[in-house]
């Protein structure tokens, strides 16, 4: 089984533990950024999921999206 990687462009690569799936990586990013920011990242293609390569690319603009979401 291939390792699932989250590549934060310009910042580094995070490899998930053995046995992790692409769904685990998606849940990880959803928890990290919150549902609203994560969904906006998917819609704007700031977060790209490549299932066949077991890779998720997160562009640097994700920080701006995360900061623009109001908190309670």
Protein backbone atom coordinates (compact mmCIF):
# COMPACT_ATOMS: atom_id res chain seq x y z
CA UNK A 1 0.00 0.00 0.00
CA UNK A 2 1.30 3.41 -0.97
CA UNK A 3 1.74 6.18 1.59
CA UNK A 4 -0.78 9.03 1.51
CA UNK A 5 0.88 12.43 1.27
CA UNK A 6 -0.39 15.96 1.81
CA UNK A 7 1.84 18.39 -0.06
CA UNK A 8 1.63 21.94 1.26
CA UNK A 9 3.13 23.81 -1.70
CA UNK A 10 5.99 25.97 -0.53
CA UNK A 11 5.90 24.59 3.02
CA UNK A 12 6.56 20.85 2.95
CA UNK A 13 5.08 17.38 2.72
CA UNK A 14 3.20 15.50 5.41
CA UNK A 15 3.00 11.71 5.15
CA UNK A 16 0.15 10.03 6.97
CA UNK A 17 0.70 6.89 9.03
CA UNK A 18 0.77 3.43 7.43
CA UNK A 19 -2.67 2.17 6.55
CA UNK A 20 -4.13 5.66 6.14
CA UNK A 21 -6.37 6.28 3.16
CA UNK A 22 -7.08 9.34 1.06
CA UNK A 23 -10.33 9.73 3.03
CA UNK A 24 -8.29 9.94 6.25
CA UNK A 25 -6.25 12.75 4.69
CA UNK A 26 -9.43 14.59 3.69
CA UNK A 27 -10.80 14.29 7.24
CA UNK A 28 -7.45 15.51 8.57
CA UNK A 29 -7.59 18.65 6.42
CA UNK A 30 -11.26 19.20 7.29
CA UNK A 31 -10.36 19.11 10.98
CA UNK A 32 -7.32 21.34 10.47
CA UNK A 33 -9.05 24.10 8.50
CA UNK A 34 -12.68 23.62 9.50
CA UNK A 35 -15.55 22.63 7.22
CA UNK A 36 -16.23 26.07 5.72
CA UNK A 37 -12.62 26.81 4.80
CA UNK A 38 -12.01 23.25 3.57
CA UNK A 39 -15.08 23.30 1.32
CA UNK A 40 -14.13 26.71 -0.08
CA UNK A 41 -10.63 25.35 -0.73
CA UNK A 42 -12.09 22.45 -2.71
CA UNK A 43 -14.47 24.73 -4.66
CA UNK A 44 -11.70 27.18 -5.58
CA UNK A 45 -9.28 24.32 -6.39
CA UNK A 46 -6.88 25.55 -3.71
CA UNK A 47 -7.04 21.98 -2.40
CA UNK A 48 -6.69 19.34 -5.11
CA UNK A 49 -7.20 15.62 -4.43
CA UNK A 50 -5.42 13.06 -6.62
CA UNK A 51 -6.84 9.71 -5.53
CA UNK A 52 -4.83 7.55 -7.94
CA UNK A 53 -1.56 9.10 -6.73
CA UNK A 54 -2.57 9.10 -3.03
CA UNK A 55 -1.74 12.81 -2.97
CA UNK A 56 -3.43 16.01 -1.88
CA UNK A 57 -2.01 19.38 -2.93
CA UNK A 58 -2.71 22.40 -0.76
CA UNK A 59 -1.82 25.72 -2.36
CA UNK A 60 -0.48 28.63 -0.25
CA UNK A 61 -3.71 30.58 -0.83
CA UNK A 62 -5.38 28.22 1.65
CA UNK A 63 -3.99 30.36 4.48
CA UNK A 64 -5.89 33.38 3.10
CA UNK A 65 -9.09 31.35 2.82
CA UNK A 66 -8.67 30.07 6.38
CA UNK A 67 -8.07 33.57 7.72
CA UNK A 68 -11.08 34.99 5.88
CA UNK A 69 -13.58 32.61 7.54
CA UNK A 70 -15.11 34.32 10.61
CA UNK A 71 -14.87 32.54 13.94
CA UNK A 72 -17.47 32.49 16.67
